[in-house]
Amino acid sequence: MKEHKERHFDYKDFVAGEKRGKFENRLKELVNLANSFIADSGYDEYVECNERIMMNVLIDYYSDIYRLKEFHDIELVRTEKIIAYTVAWIIKRKPLQFVKYPFNEQDIFVNERFAAYLMLNECLFDDDSKYIPGKYKDKLDEYVNLILYYFKYRECNPQVIELAIESFKMGMLVE
């Protein structure tokens, strides 16, 4: 059995060398994804991605992943876990901010919609694109609404999100 090390996550790790570059690249990637989501969803006049909050999302994510790696004595984590922890912190920190409120009230749950967008991208486009036949559109819509409900009104737990991603992927294998 591995002896537990009494170490803590040191945020200074991100200010030097390779880890800083990895952190900055991941931050740029998340900000770009958020900005694409904002534009594609028609929020571009009303919502912007606050990079400072997104940076905190990423710091919290890395802190959690660091603890997981230390506890389980592993080098790498699965993609589903990466997405789950990222989504959970986006919902908690809310990096997408309204800068102007529209005349017609828009959905105030923009961060939850962005989180669902990231999660469904992982579910549908992980290794290869998956096609859902039109006859199942209502079922997919029901699933998306269920995910949004969970993100909006329930305590968002990365383990549950990871399980939902895995369950969706497993369901795609069943004919």
C-alpha atoms as a PDB file:
ATOM      1  CA  MET A   1       0.000   0.000   0.000  1.00  0.00           C
ATOM      2  CA  LYS A   2       1.282   3.426  -0.890  1.00  0.00           C
ATOM      3  CA  GLU A   3       2.149   5.684   1.993  1.00  0.00           C
ATOM      4  CA  HIS A   4       0.135   8.895   1.865  1.00  0.00           C
ATOM      5  CA  LYS A   5       2.337  11.908   1.293  1.00  0.00           C
ATOM      6  CA  GLU A   6       1.583  15.051   3.220  1.00  0.00           C
ATOM      7  CA  ARG A   7       1.905  17.389   0.261  1.00  0.00           C
ATOM      8  CA  HIS A   8      -0.392  20.073  -0.944  1.00  0.00           C
ATOM      9  CA  PHE A   9      -1.070  21.454  -4.355  1.00  0.00           C
ATOM     10  CA  ASP A  10       1.361  24.291  -4.992  1.00  0.00           C
ATOM     11  CA  TYR A  11      -0.004  26.943  -7.353  1.00  0.00           C
ATOM     12  CA  LYS A  12       3.560  28.104  -7.996  1.00  0.00           C
ATOM     13  CA  ASP A  13       3.926  25.027 -10.220  1.00  0.00           C
ATOM     14  CA  PHE A  14       2.040  26.946 -12.903  1.00  0.00           C
ATOM     15  CA  VAL A  15       4.436  29.869 -13.094  1.00  0.00           C
ATOM     16  CA  ALA A  16       7.431  27.961 -14.377  1.00  0.00           C
ATOM     17  CA  GLY A  17       8.415  25.707 -17.225  1.00  0.00           C
ATOM     18  CA  GLU A  18       6.352  23.107 -19.005  1.00  0.00           C
ATOM     19  CA  LYS A  19       3.393  23.236 -16.612  1.00  0.00           C
ATOM     20  CA  ARG A  20       2.926  26.935 -17.256  1.00  0.00           C
ATOM     21  CA  GLY A  21       2.761  26.355 -21.000  1.00  0.00           C
ATOM     22  CA  LYS A  22       0.297  23.487 -20.548  1.00  0.00           C
ATOM     23  CA  PHE A  23      -1.842  25.625 -18.239  1.00  0.00           C
ATOM     24  CA  GLU A  24      -1.813  28.606 -20.629  1.00  0.00           C
ATOM     25  CA  ASN A  25      -2.701  26.388 -23.604  1.00  0.00           C
ATOM     26  CA  ARG A  26      -5.596  24.793 -21.717  1.00  0.00           C
ATOM     27  CA  LEU A  27      -6.822  28.239 -20.634  1.00  0.00           C
ATOM     28  CA  LYS A  28      -6.726  29.501 -24.235  1.00  0.00           C
ATOM     29  CA  GLU A  29      -8.547  26.366 -25.387  1.00  0.00           C
ATOM     30  CA  LEU A  30     -11.326  26.811 -22.802  1.00  0.00           C
ATOM     31  CA  VAL A  31     -11.704  30.537 -23.531  1.00  0.00           C
ATOM     32  CA  ASN A  32     -11.874  29.816 -27.280  1.00  0.00           C
ATOM     33  CA  LEU A  33     -14.472  27.081 -26.722  1.00  0.00           C
ATOM     34  CA  ALA A  34     -16.489  29.440 -24.530  1.00  0.00           C
ATOM     35  CA  ASN A  35     -16.309  32.232 -27.107  1.00  0.00           C
ATOM     36  CA  SER A  36     -17.360  29.839 -29.891  1.00  0.00           C
ATOM     37  CA  PHE A  37     -20.264  28.625 -27.768  1.00  0.00           C
ATOM     38  CA  ILE A  38     -21.305  32.219 -27.026  1.00  0.00           C
ATOM     39  CA  ALA A  39     -21.278  33.147 -30.725  1.00  0.00           C
ATOM     40  CA  ASP A  40     -22.937  29.924 -31.931  1.00  0.00           C
ATOM     41  CA  SER A  41     -25.687  30.223 -29.306  1.00  0.00           C
ATOM     42  CA  GLY A  42     -26.505  33.831 -30.157  1.00  0.00           C
ATOM     43  CA  TYR A  43     -25.284  35.222 -26.840  1.00  0.00           C
ATOM     44  CA  ASP A  44     -22.426  37.272 -28.329  1.00  0.00           C
ATOM     45  CA  GLU A  45     -24.170  40.607 -27.790  1.00  0.00           C
ATOM     46  CA  TYR A  46     -24.957  39.839 -24.151  1.00  0.00           C
ATOM     47  CA  VAL A  47     -22.394  37.426 -22.710  1.00  0.00           C
ATOM     48  CA  GLU A  48     -18.614  37.299 -22.509  1.00  0.00           C
ATOM     49  CA  CYS A  49     -16.141  34.842 -21.107  1.00  0.00           C
ATOM     50  CA  ASN A  50     -14.399  36.318 -18.086  1.00  0.00           C
ATOM     51  CA  GLU A  51     -10.844  35.025 -18.489  1.00  0.00           C
ATOM     52  CA  ARG A  52      -9.951  35.645 -14.864  1.00  0.00           C
ATOM     53  CA  ILE A  53     -12.824  33.460 -13.675  1.00  0.00           C
ATOM     54  CA  MET A  54     -11.969  30.847 -16.319  1.00  0.00           C
ATOM     55  CA  MET A  55      -8.406  30.853 -14.984  1.00  0.00           C
ATOM     56  CA  ASN A  56      -9.822  30.069 -11.530  1.00  0.00           C
ATOM     57  CA  VAL A  57     -11.894  27.258 -13.060  1.00  0.00           C
ATOM     58  CA  LEU A  58      -8.691  25.804 -14.409  1.00  0.00           C
ATOM     59  CA  ILE A  59      -6.747  26.244 -11.156  1.00  0.00           C
ATOM     60  CA  ASP A  60      -9.518  24.479  -9.228  1.00  0.00           C
ATOM     61  CA  TYR A  61      -9.631  21.736 -11.854  1.00  0.00           C
ATOM     62  CA  TYR A  62      -5.862  21.174 -11.698  1.00  0.00           C
ATOM     63  CA  SER A  63      -5.963  21.134  -7.915  1.00  0.00           C
ATOM     64  CA  ASP A  64      -8.600  18.377  -7.925  1.00  0.00           C
ATOM     65  CA  ILE A  65      -6.799  16.359 -10.599  1.00  0.00           C
ATOM     66  CA  TYR A  66      -3.503  16.704  -8.711  1.00  0.00           C
ATOM     67  CA  ARG A  67      -5.124  15.300  -5.556  1.00  0.00           C
ATOM     68  CA  LEU A  68      -6.667  12.429  -7.524  1.00  0.00           C
ATOM     69  CA  LYS A  69      -3.337  11.533  -9.114  1.00  0.00           C
ATOM     70  CA  GLU A  70      -1.575  11.656  -5.755  1.00  0.00           C
ATOM     71  CA  PHE A  71      -4.211   9.618  -3.945  1.00  0.00           C
ATOM     72  CA  HIS A  72      -4.443   6.905  -6.612  1.00  0.00           C
ATOM     73  CA  ASP A  73      -0.742   7.060  -7.516  1.00  0.00           C
ATOM     74  CA  ILE A  74      -1.432   7.506 -11.234  1.00  0.00           C
ATOM     75  CA  GLU A  75       0.206   9.575 -13.958  1.00  0.00           C
ATOM     76  CA  LEU A  76      -2.738  10.187 -16.282  1.00  0.00           C
ATOM     77  CA  VAL A  77      -6.500  10.522 -15.931  1.00  0.00           C
ATOM     78  CA  ARG A  78      -9.169   9.535 -18.421  1.00  0.00           C
ATOM     79  CA  THR A  79     -10.756  12.066 -20.748  1.00  0.00           C
ATOM     80  CA  GLU A  80     -14.157  11.545 -19.130  1.00  0.00           C
ATOM     81  CA  LYS A  81     -12.722  12.614 -15.778  1.00  0.00           C
ATOM     82  CA  ILE A  82     -11.074  15.675 -17.334  1.00  0.00           C
ATOM     83  CA  ILE A  83     -14.376  16.785 -18.850  1.00  0.00           C
ATOM     84  CA  ALA A  84     -16.343  15.982 -15.681  1.00  0.00           C
ATOM     85  CA  TYR A  85     -14.108  18.062 -13.409  1.00  0.00           C
ATOM     86  CA  THR A  86     -13.923  20.913 -15.939  1.00  0.00           C
ATOM     87  CA  VAL A  87     -17.717  20.969 -16.272  1.00  0.00           C
ATOM     88  CA  ALA A  88     -18.220  20.873 -12.499  1.00  0.00           C
ATOM     89  CA  TRP A  89     -15.935  23.865 -11.957  1.00  0.00           C
ATOM     90  CA  ILE A  90     -17.524  25.831 -14.817  1.00  0.00           C
ATOM     91  CA  ILE A  91     -20.896  25.383 -13.135  1.00  0.00           C
ATOM     92  CA  LYS A  92     -19.496  26.418  -9.740  1.00  0.00           C
ATOM     93  CA  ARG A  93     -17.389  29.411 -10.869  1.00  0.00           C
ATOM     94  CA  LYS A  94     -19.617  30.661 -13.736  1.00  0.00           C
ATOM     95  CA  PRO A  95     -17.022  32.178 -16.103  1.00  0.00           C
ATOM     96  CA  LEU A  96     -19.620  33.250 -18.694  1.00  0.00           C
ATOM     97  CA  GLN A  97     -20.981  36.588 -17.556  1.00  0.00           C
ATOM     98  CA  PHE A  98     -23.787  38.774 -18.837  1.00  0.00           C
ATOM     99  CA  VAL A  99     -22.438  42.198 -19.814  1.00  0.00           C
ATOM    100  CA  LYS A 100     -25.782  43.468 -21.042  1.00  0.00           C
ATOM    101  CA  TYR A 101     -29.258  42.128 -20.492  1.00  0.00           C
ATOM    102  CA  PRO A 102     -31.367  41.723 -23.613  1.00  0.00           C
ATOM    103  CA  PHE A 103     -34.750  43.321 -24.109  1.00  0.00           C
ATOM    104  CA  ASN A 104     -36.247  39.834 -24.326  1.00  0.00           C
ATOM    105  CA  GLU A 105     -35.008  37.863 -21.369  1.00  0.00           C
ATOM    106  CA  GLN A 106     -32.489  35.227 -22.412  1.00  0.00           C
ATOM    107  CA  ASP A 107     -31.677  32.053 -20.569  1.00  0.00           C
ATOM    108  CA  ILE A 108     -29.854  33.035 -17.377  1.00  0.00           C
ATOM    109  CA  PHE A 109     -28.302  29.565 -17.165  1.00  0.00           C
ATOM    110  CA  VAL A 110     -25.666  30.238 -19.813  1.00  0.00           C
ATOM    111  CA  ASN A 111     -22.885  28.514 -17.825  1.00  0.00           C
ATOM    112  CA  GLU A 112     -24.974  25.392 -17.386  1.00  0.00           C
ATOM    113  CA  ARG A 113     -25.699  25.363 -21.119  1.00  0.00           C
ATOM    114  CA  PHE A 114     -21.981  25.742 -21.849  1.00  0.00           C
ATOM    115  CA  ALA A 115     -21.234  22.878 -19.452  1.00  0.00           C
ATOM    116  CA  ALA A 116     -23.828  20.674 -21.186  1.00  0.00           C
ATOM    117  CA  TYR A 117     -22.298  21.637 -24.551  1.00  0.00           C
ATOM    118  CA  LEU A 118     -18.845  20.497 -23.366  1.00  0.00           C
ATOM    119  CA  MET A 119     -20.215  17.292 -21.895  1.00  0.00           C
ATOM    120  CA  LEU A 120     -22.225  16.353 -24.985  1.00  0.00           C
ATOM    121  CA  ASN A 121     -19.248  17.080 -27.220  1.00  0.00           C
ATOM    122  CA  GLU A 122     -17.305  14.525 -25.183  1.00  0.00           C
ATOM    123  CA  CYS A 123     -20.187  12.045 -25.417  1.00  0.00           C
ATOM    124  CA  LEU A 124     -20.709  12.412 -29.157  1.00  0.00           C
ATOM    125  CA  PHE A 125     -17.247  13.203 -30.496  1.00  0.00           C
ATOM    126  CA  ASP A 126     -14.747  11.445 -28.235  1.00  0.00           C
ATOM    127  CA  ASP A 127     -12.837   9.176 -30.625  1.00  0.00           C
ATOM    128  CA  ASP A 128     -15.084   9.453 -33.634  1.00  0.00           C
ATOM    129  CA  SER A 129     -18.285  11.236 -34.460  1.00  0.00           C
ATOM    130  CA  LYS A 130     -21.428   9.417 -33.497  1.00  0.00           C
ATOM    131  CA  TYR A 131     -24.647   9.791 -35.392  1.00  0.00           C
ATOM    132  CA  ILE A 132     -27.970   9.671 -33.608  1.00  0.00           C
ATOM    133  CA  PRO A 133     -30.781   8.775 -36.010  1.00  0.00           C
ATOM    134  CA  GLY A 134     -33.624  11.263 -36.304  1.00  0.00           C
ATOM    135  CA  LYS A 135     -36.075   8.808 -34.764  1.00  0.00           C
ATOM    136  CA  TYR A 136     -34.188   9.247 -31.459  1.00  0.00           C
ATOM    137  CA  LYS A 137     -34.168  13.044 -31.516  1.00  0.00           C
ATOM    138  CA  ASP A 138     -36.862  13.252 -28.836  1.00  0.00           C
ATOM    139  CA  LYS A 139     -34.862  10.931 -26.568  1.00  0.00           C
ATOM    140  CA  LEU A 140     -31.701  13.015 -27.074  1.00  0.00           C
ATOM    141  CA  ASP A 141     -33.643  16.210 -26.327  1.00  0.00           C
ATOM    142  CA  GLU A 142     -35.004  14.578 -23.165  1.00  0.00           C
ATOM    143  CA  TYR A 143     -31.463  13.614 -22.119  1.00  0.00           C
ATOM    144  CA  VAL A 144     -30.146  17.138 -22.755  1.00  0.00           C
ATOM    145  CA  ASN A 145     -33.012  18.625 -20.735  1.00  0.00           C
ATOM    146  CA  LEU A 146     -32.299  16.196 -17.894  1.00  0.00           C
ATOM    147  CA  ILE A 147     -28.601  17.180 -17.903  1.00  0.00           C
ATOM    148  CA  LEU A 148     -29.519  20.876 -17.920  1.00  0.00           C
ATOM    149  CA  TYR A 149     -31.944  20.352 -15.053  1.00  0.00           C
ATOM    150  CA  TYR A 150     -29.228  18.616 -13.041  1.00  0.00           C
ATOM    151  CA  PHE A 151     -26.709  21.374 -13.786  1.00  0.00           C
ATOM    152  CA  LYS A 152     -29.214  24.108 -12.898  1.00  0.00           C
ATOM    153  CA  TYR A 153     -30.859  22.775  -9.767  1.00  0.00           C
ATOM    154  CA  ARG A 154     -28.745  20.038  -8.205  1.00  0.00           C
ATOM    155  CA  GLU A 155     -25.412  19.963  -6.396  1.00  0.00           C
ATOM    156  CA  CYS A 156     -23.011  19.442  -9.259  1.00  0.00           C
ATOM    157  CA  ASN A 157     -20.722  16.518  -8.567  1.00  0.00           C
ATOM    158  CA  PRO A 158     -17.875  15.589 -10.960  1.00  0.00           C
ATOM    159  CA  GLN A 159     -18.243  11.892 -10.152  1.00  0.00           C
ATOM    160  CA  VAL A 160     -21.901  11.948 -11.217  1.00  0.00           C
ATOM    161  CA  ILE A 161     -21.000  13.870 -14.377  1.00  0.00           C
ATOM    162  CA  GLU A 162     -18.324  11.300 -15.193  1.00  0.00           C
ATOM    163  CA  LEU A 163     -20.851   8.501 -14.682  1.00  0.00           C
ATOM    164  CA  ALA A 164     -23.358  10.277 -16.952  1.00  0.00           C
ATOM    165  CA  ILE A 165     -20.709  10.571 -19.690  1.00  0.00           C
ATOM    166  CA  GLU A 166     -19.806   6.888 -19.336  1.00  0.00           C
ATOM    167  CA  SER A 167     -23.475   5.879 -19.340  1.00  0.00           C
ATOM    168  CA  PHE A 168     -24.159   7.872 -22.491  1.00  0.00           C
ATOM    169  CA  LYS A 169     -21.167   6.292 -24.228  1.00  0.00           C
ATOM    170  CA  MET A 170     -22.265   2.825 -23.137  1.00  0.00           C
ATOM    171  CA  GLY A 171     -25.765   3.497 -24.425  1.00  0.00           C
ATOM    172  CA  MET A 172     -24.283   4.393 -27.818  1.00  0.00           C
ATOM    173  CA  LEU A 173     -22.886   0.850 -28.047  1.00  0.00           C
ATOM    174  CA  VAL A 174     -26.246  -0.828 -27.555  1.00  0.00           C
ATOM    175  CA  GLU A 175     -28.423  -1.362 -30.590  1.00  0.00           C
END
